[in-house]
């Protein structure tokens, strides 16, 4: 099965400050299907944090329809005492992230009223997501050969391919180049004499 891995480099800008004294200490929770699949480190006293990049394997995120699932990013202010306070959240489809490979997305962080999911105010800053993806196709299993060694024990080995006549390949390429030059010279003589 082919594996799709998304690497996310996320930063934020102009986050709302939730602390009375100083700035927020933001961190992110990455949620798919109401399950936290990743949590970043907190960045102390910073309204424009840059978090360490992390990877998500798309196939690990759920069923065969995982590409149409939402990736919810919740930004919190870390508090040493009491509960961490939600700064804001945003959502993006996994499919959108895959389509934006090697590009940047900017998403506004919104703060919602918990009861009816209505906006509770203006944007609380934004997240900048730099996306890169890799696709890994599984390698077919290599054949194994069973044979007996000198002590009559059955040994399993995996053959490896190494070209025996690497010099011959270079010779064939050289011969083809010389032939092409000879044909080019004949055509030049024919058309230049006319």
N, C-alpha and C. Protein backbone atom coordinates (compact mmCIF):
# COMPACT_ATOMS: atom_id res chain seq x y z
N UNK A 1 0.84 -1.17 0.00
CA UNK A 1 0.00 0.00 0.00
C UNK A 1 0.89 1.25 0.00
N UNK A 2 0.51 2.23 -0.80
CA UNK A 2 1.26 3.47 -0.87
C UNK A 2 1.03 4.30 0.37
N UNK A 3 2.09 4.89 0.91
CA UNK A 3 1.99 5.73 2.10
C UNK A 3 2.20 7.19 1.72
N UNK A 4 1.31 8.05 2.22
CA UNK A 4 1.42 9.49 2.00
C UNK A 4 1.77 10.13 3.34
N UNK A 5 2.90 10.80 3.39
CA UNK A 5 3.34 11.46 4.60
C UNK A 5 3.32 12.96 4.37
N UNK A 6 2.72 13.68 5.32
CA UNK A 6 2.66 15.13 5.25
C UNK A 6 3.59 15.69 6.31
N UNK A 7 4.51 16.56 5.90
CA UNK A 7 5.33 17.27 6.88
C UNK A 7 4.78 18.68 7.00
N UNK A 8 4.50 19.09 8.24
CA UNK A 8 3.93 20.40 8.49
C UNK A 8 4.93 21.26 9.26
N UNK A 9 5.26 22.41 8.70
CA UNK A 9 6.05 23.43 9.39
C UNK A 9 5.08 24.56 9.68
N UNK A 10 4.75 24.72 10.94
CA UNK A 10 3.71 25.68 11.30
C UNK A 10 4.27 26.80 12.16
N UNK A 11 3.86 28.00 11.80
CA UNK A 11 4.18 29.17 12.61
C UNK A 11 2.89 29.97 12.77
N UNK A 12 2.90 30.95 13.64
CA UNK A 12 1.73 31.79 13.85
C UNK A 12 2.15 33.24 13.81
N UNK A 13 1.18 34.10 13.51
CA UNK A 13 1.49 35.53 13.56
C UNK A 13 0.33 36.28 14.20
N UNK A 14 0.69 37.28 14.96
CA UNK A 14 -0.27 38.18 15.60
C UNK A 14 -1.30 37.44 16.46
N UNK A 15 -0.83 36.49 17.26
CA UNK A 15 -1.75 35.79 18.15
C UNK A 15 -2.30 36.75 19.21
N UNK A 16 -3.52 36.49 19.63
CA UNK A 16 -4.10 37.28 20.71
C UNK A 16 -3.40 36.90 22.01
N UNK A 17 -3.09 37.87 22.81
CA UNK A 17 -2.45 37.60 24.10
C UNK A 17 -3.51 37.25 25.12
N UNK A 18 -3.32 36.13 25.78
CA UNK A 18 -4.28 35.67 26.78
C UNK A 18 -3.79 35.89 28.20
N UNK A 19 -2.54 36.33 28.34
CA UNK A 19 -1.98 36.57 29.66
C UNK A 19 -2.15 38.03 30.06
N UNK A 20 -2.43 38.25 31.33
CA UNK A 20 -2.57 39.62 31.83
C UNK A 20 -1.23 40.32 31.82
N UNK A 21 -0.21 39.62 32.26
CA UNK A 21 1.14 40.17 32.27
C UNK A 21 1.97 39.35 31.29
N UNK A 22 2.57 39.98 30.32
CA UNK A 22 3.38 39.26 29.34
C UNK A 22 2.54 38.79 28.16
N UNK A 23 3.13 37.90 27.41
CA UNK A 23 2.48 37.38 26.20
C UNK A 23 2.07 35.94 26.42
N UNK A 24 1.32 35.40 25.46
CA UNK A 24 0.90 34.00 25.54
C UNK A 24 2.09 33.07 25.40
N UNK A 25 1.91 31.84 25.89
CA UNK A 25 2.88 30.76 25.72
C UNK A 25 2.21 29.70 24.85
N UNK A 26 2.14 29.91 23.52
CA UNK A 26 1.29 29.08 22.67
C UNK A 26 1.87 27.70 22.35
N UNK A 27 0.95 26.77 22.18
CA UNK A 27 1.25 25.44 21.63
C UNK A 27 0.04 25.01 20.82
N UNK A 28 0.23 24.00 19.96
CA UNK A 28 -0.84 23.50 19.10
C UNK A 28 -1.22 22.08 19.44
N UNK A 29 -2.50 21.79 19.29
CA UNK A 29 -2.98 20.41 19.29
C UNK A 29 -3.53 20.14 17.89
N UNK A 30 -3.12 19.01 17.31
CA UNK A 30 -3.59 18.62 15.99
C UNK A 30 -4.60 17.50 16.20
N UNK A 31 -5.82 17.71 15.71
CA UNK A 31 -6.92 16.79 16.01
C UNK A 31 -7.54 16.27 14.72
N UNK A 32 -7.74 14.96 14.66
CA UNK A 32 -8.46 14.32 13.56
C UNK A 32 -9.48 13.38 14.20
N UNK A 33 -10.74 13.49 13.78
CA UNK A 33 -11.81 12.65 14.34
C UNK A 33 -11.89 12.75 15.86
N UNK A 34 -11.80 13.94 16.39
CA UNK A 34 -11.86 14.19 17.83
C UNK A 34 -10.74 13.51 18.62
N UNK A 35 -9.68 13.11 17.92
CA UNK A 35 -8.53 12.48 18.58
C UNK A 35 -7.29 13.33 18.33
N UNK A 36 -6.57 13.63 19.39
CA UNK A 36 -5.33 14.41 19.26
C UNK A 36 -4.24 13.50 18.67
N UNK A 37 -3.77 13.85 17.47
CA UNK A 37 -2.75 13.03 16.80
C UNK A 37 -1.35 13.62 16.94
N UNK A 38 -1.28 14.87 17.40
CA UNK A 38 0.02 15.49 17.64
C UNK A 38 -0.16 16.72 18.53
N UNK A 39 0.87 17.00 19.32
CA UNK A 39 0.88 18.19 20.16
C UNK A 39 2.28 18.79 20.06
N UNK A 40 2.35 20.08 19.76
CA UNK A 40 3.65 20.73 19.63
C UNK A 40 4.17 21.14 21.00
N UNK A 41 5.40 21.59 21.02
CA UNK A 41 5.98 22.15 22.23
C UNK A 41 5.42 23.56 22.43
N UNK A 42 5.44 24.05 23.65
CA UNK A 42 5.02 25.44 23.88
C UNK A 42 6.20 26.35 23.56
N UNK A 43 5.88 27.53 23.06
CA UNK A 43 6.89 28.54 22.79
C UNK A 43 6.60 29.67 23.78
N UNK A 44 7.49 29.88 24.72
CA UNK A 44 7.25 30.81 25.82
C UNK A 44 7.23 32.27 25.39
N UNK A 45 6.24 33.00 25.90
CA UNK A 45 6.17 34.44 25.80
C UNK A 45 6.34 34.95 24.36
N UNK A 46 5.49 34.45 23.44
CA UNK A 46 5.68 34.76 22.03
C UNK A 46 4.33 34.78 21.31
N UNK A 47 4.04 35.86 20.61
CA UNK A 47 2.80 35.96 19.83
C UNK A 47 3.01 35.63 18.36
N UNK A 48 4.25 35.33 17.97
CA UNK A 48 4.59 34.94 16.60
C UNK A 48 5.48 33.69 16.63
N UNK A 49 4.98 32.61 17.23
CA UNK A 49 5.84 31.43 17.43
C UNK A 49 6.08 30.63 16.15
N UNK A 50 7.18 29.90 16.17
CA UNK A 50 7.49 28.92 15.13
C UNK A 50 7.71 27.60 15.85
N UNK A 51 6.89 26.60 15.50
CA UNK A 51 7.01 25.29 16.16
C UNK A 51 7.89 24.37 15.33
N UNK A 52 8.41 23.34 16.00
CA UNK A 52 9.22 22.34 15.30
C UNK A 52 8.36 21.60 14.29
N UNK A 53 8.91 21.29 13.10
CA UNK A 53 8.14 20.54 12.10
C UNK A 53 7.78 19.15 12.61
N UNK A 54 6.67 18.62 12.11
CA UNK A 54 6.27 17.26 12.46
C UNK A 54 5.62 16.62 11.25
N UNK A 55 5.55 15.28 11.28
CA UNK A 55 4.99 14.52 10.16
C UNK A 55 3.75 13.77 10.58
N UNK A 56 2.84 13.60 9.63
CA UNK A 56 1.65 12.78 9.83
C UNK A 56 1.57 11.80 8.67
N UNK A 57 1.35 10.54 8.98
CA UNK A 57 1.12 9.53 7.96
C UNK A 57 -0.39 9.51 7.69
N UNK A 58 -0.79 9.87 6.47
CA UNK A 58 -2.21 10.01 6.14
C UNK A 58 -2.96 8.70 6.36
N UNK A 59 -2.36 7.60 6.00
CA UNK A 59 -3.05 6.31 6.13
C UNK A 59 -3.31 5.92 7.58
N UNK A 60 -2.55 6.49 8.52
CA UNK A 60 -2.76 6.20 9.94
C UNK A 60 -3.91 7.01 10.54
N UNK A 61 -4.48 7.92 9.77
CA UNK A 61 -5.48 8.82 10.33
C UNK A 61 -6.91 8.29 10.25
N UNK A 62 -7.12 7.10 9.75
CA UNK A 62 -8.49 6.59 9.74
C UNK A 62 -8.77 5.68 8.56
N UNK A 63 -10.00 5.71 8.13
CA UNK A 63 -10.50 4.79 7.10
C UNK A 63 -9.98 5.17 5.73
N UNK A 64 -10.52 4.49 4.71
CA UNK A 64 -10.09 4.75 3.34
C UNK A 64 -10.49 6.14 2.85
N UNK A 65 -11.36 6.82 3.59
CA UNK A 65 -11.78 8.17 3.22
C UNK A 65 -11.02 9.23 3.99
N UNK A 66 -9.83 8.92 4.47
CA UNK A 66 -9.08 9.83 5.33
C UNK A 66 -8.73 11.14 4.62
N UNK A 67 -8.65 11.16 3.29
CA UNK A 67 -8.28 12.37 2.58
C UNK A 67 -9.35 13.44 2.72
N UNK A 68 -10.59 13.04 3.00
CA UNK A 68 -11.69 14.00 3.13
C UNK A 68 -11.95 14.36 4.59
N UNK A 69 -11.08 13.97 5.46
CA UNK A 69 -11.23 14.30 6.88
C UNK A 69 -10.65 15.69 7.15
N UNK A 70 -11.16 16.30 8.20
CA UNK A 70 -10.65 17.60 8.60
C UNK A 70 -9.52 17.44 9.60
N UNK A 71 -8.52 18.25 9.42
CA UNK A 71 -7.42 18.36 10.37
C UNK A 71 -7.71 19.65 11.13
N UNK A 72 -7.99 19.54 12.42
CA UNK A 72 -8.31 20.70 13.24
C UNK A 72 -7.06 21.09 14.02
N UNK A 73 -6.70 22.36 13.95
CA UNK A 73 -5.55 22.89 14.66
C UNK A 73 -6.07 23.82 15.75
N UNK A 74 -5.82 23.46 17.00
CA UNK A 74 -6.25 24.29 18.13
C UNK A 74 -5.01 24.87 18.79
N UNK A 75 -5.01 26.19 18.92
CA UNK A 75 -3.88 26.89 19.52
C UNK A 75 -4.26 27.29 20.94
N UNK A 76 -3.44 26.87 21.89
CA UNK A 76 -3.69 27.14 23.31
C UNK A 76 -2.59 28.00 23.90
N UNK A 77 -2.95 28.73 24.96
CA UNK A 77 -1.98 29.43 25.78
C UNK A 77 -1.69 28.54 26.98
N UNK A 78 -0.45 28.12 27.12
CA UNK A 78 -0.07 27.25 28.24
C UNK A 78 -0.03 28.08 29.52
N UNK A 79 -0.72 27.61 30.53
CA UNK A 79 -0.70 28.26 31.84
C UNK A 79 -0.14 27.27 32.85
N UNK A 80 0.81 27.73 33.68
CA UNK A 80 1.38 26.84 34.69
C UNK A 80 0.37 26.53 35.79
N UNK A 81 -0.55 27.44 36.03
CA UNK A 81 -1.57 27.23 37.05
C UNK A 81 -2.94 27.28 36.37
N UNK A 82 -3.77 26.29 36.63
CA UNK A 82 -5.11 26.28 36.04
C UNK A 82 -5.11 25.66 34.65
N UNK A 83 -6.23 25.85 33.96
CA UNK A 83 -6.41 25.27 32.63
C UNK A 83 -5.73 26.11 31.56
N UNK A 84 -5.30 25.42 30.51
CA UNK A 84 -4.74 26.12 29.36
C UNK A 84 -5.90 26.78 28.62
N UNK A 85 -5.67 27.99 28.15
CA UNK A 85 -6.75 28.75 27.52
C UNK A 85 -6.66 28.66 26.00
N UNK A 86 -7.80 28.38 25.37
CA UNK A 86 -7.86 28.31 23.91
C UNK A 86 -7.70 29.70 23.32
N UNK A 87 -6.72 29.87 22.43
CA UNK A 87 -6.53 31.14 21.73
C UNK A 87 -7.46 31.16 20.52
N UNK A 88 -7.47 30.07 19.77
CA UNK A 88 -8.33 29.97 18.59
C UNK A 88 -8.09 28.66 17.88
N UNK A 89 -8.91 28.39 16.87
CA UNK A 89 -8.79 27.15 16.11
C UNK A 89 -9.12 27.37 14.65
N UNK A 90 -8.65 26.45 13.83
CA UNK A 90 -8.97 26.46 12.40
C UNK A 90 -8.96 25.02 11.91
N UNK A 91 -9.51 24.81 10.74
CA UNK A 91 -9.58 23.45 10.19
C UNK A 91 -9.24 23.49 8.71
N UNK A 92 -8.67 22.39 8.24
CA UNK A 92 -8.33 22.25 6.82
C UNK A 92 -8.49 20.77 6.46
N UNK A 93 -8.96 20.51 5.24
CA UNK A 93 -9.08 19.12 4.79
C UNK A 93 -7.68 18.55 4.52
N UNK A 94 -7.51 17.29 4.82
CA UNK A 94 -6.23 16.62 4.54
C UNK A 94 -5.96 16.65 3.04
N UNK A 95 -7.01 16.51 2.25
CA UNK A 95 -6.89 16.57 0.79
C UNK A 95 -6.28 17.91 0.35
N UNK A 96 -6.70 18.99 1.00
CA UNK A 96 -6.17 20.32 0.68
C UNK A 96 -4.68 20.39 0.99
N UNK A 97 -4.28 19.80 2.11
CA UNK A 97 -2.86 19.78 2.46
C UNK A 97 -2.05 19.02 1.41
N UNK A 98 -2.58 17.88 0.95
CA UNK A 98 -1.88 17.10 -0.06
C UNK A 98 -1.77 17.87 -1.38
N UNK A 99 -2.82 18.62 -1.72
CA UNK A 99 -2.80 19.41 -2.95
C UNK A 99 -1.88 20.62 -2.85
N UNK A 100 -1.59 21.08 -1.64
CA UNK A 100 -0.75 22.27 -1.44
C UNK A 100 0.69 21.90 -1.13
N UNK A 101 1.10 20.72 -1.53
CA UNK A 101 2.47 20.30 -1.25
C UNK A 101 3.47 21.32 -1.78
N UNK A 102 4.44 21.65 -0.95
CA UNK A 102 5.51 22.60 -1.24
C UNK A 102 5.00 24.02 -1.39
N UNK A 103 3.84 24.28 -0.76
CA UNK A 103 3.28 25.63 -0.75
C UNK A 103 2.97 26.02 0.68
N UNK A 104 2.49 27.25 0.85
CA UNK A 104 2.09 27.74 2.17
C UNK A 104 0.60 28.04 2.18
N UNK A 105 0.00 27.78 3.33
CA UNK A 105 -1.39 28.15 3.56
C UNK A 105 -1.42 29.09 4.76
N UNK A 106 -2.30 30.07 4.72
CA UNK A 106 -2.50 30.91 5.90
C UNK A 106 -3.96 30.78 6.31
N UNK A 107 -4.17 30.35 7.55
CA UNK A 107 -5.51 30.14 8.07
C UNK A 107 -5.73 31.00 9.30
N UNK A 108 -6.89 31.68 9.34
CA UNK A 108 -7.21 32.50 10.50
C UNK A 108 -7.67 31.64 11.66
N UNK A 109 -7.21 31.99 12.84
CA UNK A 109 -7.65 31.31 14.06
C UNK A 109 -8.92 32.00 14.55
N UNK A 110 -9.96 31.22 14.72
CA UNK A 110 -11.25 31.74 15.18
C UNK A 110 -11.50 31.22 16.59
N UNK A 111 -12.25 31.99 17.34
CA UNK A 111 -12.66 31.57 18.67
C UNK A 111 -14.17 31.39 18.64
N UNK A 112 -14.62 30.20 19.01
CA UNK A 112 -16.04 29.87 18.93
C UNK A 112 -16.67 29.80 20.31
N UNK A 113 -17.96 30.10 20.35
CA UNK A 113 -18.75 29.91 21.55
C UNK A 113 -18.97 28.40 21.68
N UNK A 114 -18.57 27.79 22.78
CA UNK A 114 -18.63 26.33 22.93
C UNK A 114 -20.04 25.76 22.78
N UNK A 115 -21.06 26.52 23.16
CA UNK A 115 -22.41 25.97 23.17
C UNK A 115 -22.96 25.74 21.77
N UNK A 116 -22.87 26.74 20.90
CA UNK A 116 -23.50 26.60 19.58
C UNK A 116 -22.54 26.80 18.41
N UNK A 117 -21.26 26.73 18.66
CA UNK A 117 -20.22 26.81 17.62
C UNK A 117 -20.35 28.07 16.76
N UNK A 118 -20.77 29.18 17.35
CA UNK A 118 -20.81 30.44 16.63
C UNK A 118 -19.56 31.24 17.00
N UNK A 119 -19.14 32.07 16.08
CA UNK A 119 -17.96 32.89 16.34
C UNK A 119 -18.17 33.74 17.58
N UNK A 120 -17.13 33.78 18.40
CA UNK A 120 -17.22 34.55 19.64
C UNK A 120 -16.42 35.84 19.55
N UNK A 121 -16.05 36.24 18.37
CA UNK A 121 -15.29 37.48 18.24
C UNK A 121 -14.44 37.49 16.99
N UNK A 122 -13.54 38.48 16.93
CA UNK A 122 -12.69 38.63 15.76
C UNK A 122 -11.59 37.55 15.73
N UNK A 123 -10.90 37.47 14.61
CA UNK A 123 -9.81 36.50 14.45
C UNK A 123 -8.78 36.69 15.55
N UNK A 124 -8.23 35.60 16.02
CA UNK A 124 -7.28 35.60 17.13
C UNK A 124 -5.83 35.47 16.66
N UNK A 125 -5.59 35.78 15.39
CA UNK A 125 -4.28 35.61 14.79
C UNK A 125 -4.41 34.63 13.63
N UNK A 126 -3.29 34.19 13.10
CA UNK A 126 -3.35 33.23 12.00
C UNK A 126 -2.19 32.25 12.09
N UNK A 127 -2.40 31.11 11.46
CA UNK A 127 -1.37 30.08 11.35
C UNK A 127 -0.87 30.05 9.92
N UNK A 128 0.43 29.96 9.75
CA UNK A 128 1.04 29.79 8.44
C UNK A 128 1.56 28.35 8.40
N UNK A 129 1.05 27.59 7.44
CA UNK A 129 1.40 26.17 7.33
C UNK A 129 2.17 25.95 6.05
N UNK A 130 3.42 25.54 6.17
CA UNK A 130 4.23 25.13 5.02
C UNK A 130 4.13 23.62 4.93
N UNK A 131 3.68 23.15 3.77
CA UNK A 131 3.37 21.74 3.61
C UNK A 131 4.35 21.10 2.63
N UNK A 132 4.85 19.94 3.00
CA UNK A 132 5.59 19.11 2.03
C UNK A 132 5.10 17.68 2.22
N UNK A 133 5.00 16.97 1.12
CA UNK A 133 4.50 15.60 1.19
C UNK A 133 5.50 14.65 0.54
N UNK A 134 5.46 13.42 1.00
CA UNK A 134 6.24 12.37 0.37
C UNK A 134 5.32 11.18 0.15
N UNK A 135 5.56 10.50 -0.94
CA UNK A 135 4.79 9.31 -1.27
C UNK A 135 5.77 8.15 -1.32
N UNK A 136 5.50 7.14 -0.50
CA UNK A 136 6.37 5.97 -0.47
C UNK A 136 5.60 4.77 -1.01
N UNK A 137 6.13 4.19 -2.06
CA UNK A 137 5.53 2.97 -2.60
C UNK A 137 6.26 1.79 -2.01
N UNK A 138 5.53 0.77 -1.62
CA UNK A 138 6.20 -0.38 -1.02
C UNK A 138 7.09 -1.11 -2.03
N UNK A 139 8.20 -1.56 -1.56
CA UNK A 139 9.12 -2.32 -2.39
C UNK A 139 8.68 -3.78 -2.41
N UNK A 140 8.71 -4.43 -3.56
CA UNK A 140 8.34 -5.85 -3.59
C UNK A 140 9.36 -6.66 -2.79
N UNK A 141 8.91 -7.73 -2.17
CA UNK A 141 9.86 -8.54 -1.40
C UNK A 141 10.92 -9.14 -2.31
N UNK A 142 12.13 -9.19 -1.80
CA UNK A 142 13.23 -9.76 -2.57
C UNK A 142 13.19 -11.28 -2.46
N UNK A 143 13.48 -11.99 -3.53
CA UNK A 143 13.43 -13.45 -3.47
C UNK A 143 14.54 -14.00 -2.58
N UNK A 144 14.26 -15.10 -1.95
CA UNK A 144 15.28 -15.77 -1.15
C UNK A 144 15.55 -17.14 -1.75
N UNK A 145 16.78 -17.59 -1.61
CA UNK A 145 17.20 -18.88 -2.15
C UNK A 145 17.69 -19.73 -1.00
N UNK A 146 17.20 -20.96 -0.94
CA UNK A 146 17.68 -21.89 0.08
C UNK A 146 18.67 -22.85 -0.57
N UNK A 147 19.80 -23.01 0.07
CA UNK A 147 20.82 -23.94 -0.43
C UNK A 147 21.58 -24.50 0.76
N UNK A 148 22.34 -25.55 0.50
CA UNK A 148 23.13 -26.16 1.57
C UNK A 148 24.54 -25.61 1.53
N UNK A 149 25.09 -25.32 2.72
CA UNK A 149 26.48 -24.86 2.77
C UNK A 149 27.40 -26.06 2.98
N UNK A 150 28.66 -25.83 3.28
CA UNK A 150 29.65 -26.90 3.40
C UNK A 150 29.31 -27.89 4.52
N UNK A 151 28.64 -27.41 5.56
CA UNK A 151 28.32 -28.28 6.70
C UNK A 151 26.95 -28.94 6.56
N UNK A 152 26.39 -28.94 5.34
CA UNK A 152 25.08 -29.52 5.05
C UNK A 152 23.94 -28.86 5.82
N UNK A 153 24.14 -27.61 6.16
CA UNK A 153 23.06 -26.84 6.78
C UNK A 153 22.33 -26.07 5.68
N UNK A 154 21.00 -25.94 5.83
CA UNK A 154 20.23 -25.17 4.86
C UNK A 154 20.38 -23.69 5.22
N UNK A 155 20.80 -22.91 4.24
CA UNK A 155 21.05 -21.49 4.44
C UNK A 155 20.14 -20.72 3.50
N UNK A 156 19.58 -19.62 3.99
CA UNK A 156 18.74 -18.76 3.16
C UNK A 156 19.55 -17.51 2.84
N UNK A 157 19.54 -17.13 1.55
CA UNK A 157 20.25 -15.92 1.16
C UNK A 157 19.38 -15.12 0.19
N UNK A 158 19.68 -13.85 0.11
CA UNK A 158 18.97 -12.96 -0.80
C UNK A 158 19.96 -12.53 -1.87
N UNK A 159 19.66 -12.86 -3.13
CA UNK A 159 20.60 -12.46 -4.19
C UNK A 159 20.57 -10.96 -4.40
N UNK A 160 21.72 -10.40 -4.76
CA UNK A 160 21.80 -8.98 -5.07
C UNK A 160 22.26 -8.85 -6.51
N UNK A 161 21.78 -7.82 -7.17
CA UNK A 161 22.15 -7.59 -8.56
C UNK A 161 23.27 -6.57 -8.62
N UNK A 162 24.35 -6.96 -9.22
CA UNK A 162 25.43 -6.01 -9.49
C UNK A 162 25.83 -6.21 -10.95
N UNK A 163 25.88 -5.14 -11.72
CA UNK A 163 26.25 -5.29 -13.12
C UNK A 163 27.68 -5.80 -13.25
N UNK A 164 27.87 -6.89 -14.01
CA UNK A 164 29.19 -7.50 -14.16
C UNK A 164 30.05 -6.73 -15.16
N UNK A 165 29.42 -6.27 -16.22
CA UNK A 165 30.19 -5.64 -17.29
C UNK A 165 29.85 -4.17 -17.39
N UNK A 166 30.13 -3.43 -16.34
CA UNK A 166 29.83 -2.00 -16.35
C UNK A 166 30.62 -1.30 -17.44
N UNK A 167 31.83 -1.76 -17.72
CA UNK A 167 32.65 -1.18 -18.77
C UNK A 167 32.03 -1.37 -20.14
N UNK A 168 31.32 -2.50 -20.33
CA UNK A 168 30.66 -2.75 -21.62
C UNK A 168 29.57 -1.72 -21.86
N UNK A 169 28.83 -1.36 -20.83
CA UNK A 169 27.77 -0.36 -20.99
C UNK A 169 28.35 0.96 -21.48
N UNK A 170 29.50 1.35 -20.94
CA UNK A 170 30.14 2.59 -21.37
C UNK A 170 30.61 2.48 -22.82
N UNK A 171 31.09 1.28 -23.20
CA UNK A 171 31.55 1.05 -24.57
C UNK A 171 30.40 1.17 -25.55
N UNK A 172 29.23 0.62 -25.20
CA UNK A 172 28.05 0.71 -26.07
C UNK A 172 27.61 2.16 -26.25
N UNK A 173 27.66 2.92 -25.19
CA UNK A 173 27.27 4.33 -25.27
C UNK A 173 28.25 5.08 -26.16
N UNK A 174 29.55 4.79 -26.01
CA UNK A 174 30.56 5.44 -26.84
C UNK A 174 30.36 5.08 -28.31
N UNK A 175 30.10 3.81 -28.60
CA UNK A 175 29.90 3.36 -29.98
C UNK A 175 28.66 4.04 -30.59
N UNK A 176 27.60 4.17 -29.80
CA UNK A 176 26.39 4.82 -30.30
C UNK A 176 26.66 6.29 -30.60
N UNK A 177 27.46 6.96 -29.78
CA UNK A 177 27.78 8.36 -30.00
C UNK A 177 28.62 8.52 -31.27
N UNK A 178 29.59 7.63 -31.47
CA UNK A 178 30.44 7.69 -32.68
C UNK A 178 29.58 7.46 -33.91
N UNK A 179 28.65 6.50 -33.83
CA UNK A 179 27.77 6.21 -34.96
C UNK A 179 26.90 7.42 -35.30
N UNK A 180 26.38 8.08 -34.29
CA UNK A 180 25.54 9.27 -34.52
C UNK A 180 26.35 10.37 -35.17
N UNK A 181 27.61 10.54 -34.74
CA UNK A 181 28.46 11.56 -35.36
C UNK A 181 28.75 11.23 -36.83
N UNK A 182 28.97 9.96 -37.13
CA UNK A 182 29.26 9.55 -38.52
C UNK A 182 28.04 9.81 -39.40
N UNK A 183 26.87 9.50 -38.92
CA UNK A 183 25.65 9.75 -39.70
C UNK A 183 25.47 11.26 -39.90
N UNK A 184 25.73 12.02 -38.83
CA UNK A 184 25.62 13.48 -38.95
C UNK A 184 26.60 14.03 -39.97
N UNK A 185 27.82 13.50 -40.02
CA UNK A 185 28.83 13.96 -40.98
C UNK A 185 28.40 13.64 -42.41
N UNK A 186 27.83 12.45 -42.64
CA UNK A 186 27.38 12.08 -43.99
C UNK A 186 26.24 12.99 -44.44
N UNK A 187 25.31 13.27 -43.55
CA UNK A 187 24.19 14.15 -43.91
C UNK A 187 24.69 15.56 -44.20
N UNK A 188 25.67 16.02 -43.44
CA UNK A 188 26.22 17.34 -43.65
C UNK A 188 26.87 17.43 -45.04
N UNK A 189 27.65 16.41 -45.41
CA UNK A 189 28.29 16.39 -46.73
C UNK A 189 27.26 16.41 -47.83
N UNK A 190 26.20 15.59 -47.67
CA UNK A 190 25.17 15.47 -48.71
C UNK A 190 24.47 16.80 -48.93
N UNK A 191 24.05 17.46 -47.84
CA UNK A 191 23.28 18.68 -47.98
C UNK A 191 24.15 19.91 -48.25
N UNK A 192 25.40 19.88 -47.85
CA UNK A 192 26.26 21.04 -48.11
C UNK A 192 26.75 21.05 -49.54
N UNK A 193 26.80 19.90 -50.22
CA UNK A 193 27.26 19.86 -51.61
C UNK A 193 26.13 20.24 -52.59
N UNK A 194 24.89 20.22 -52.13
CA UNK A 194 23.78 20.54 -53.05
C UNK A 194 23.59 21.99 -53.27
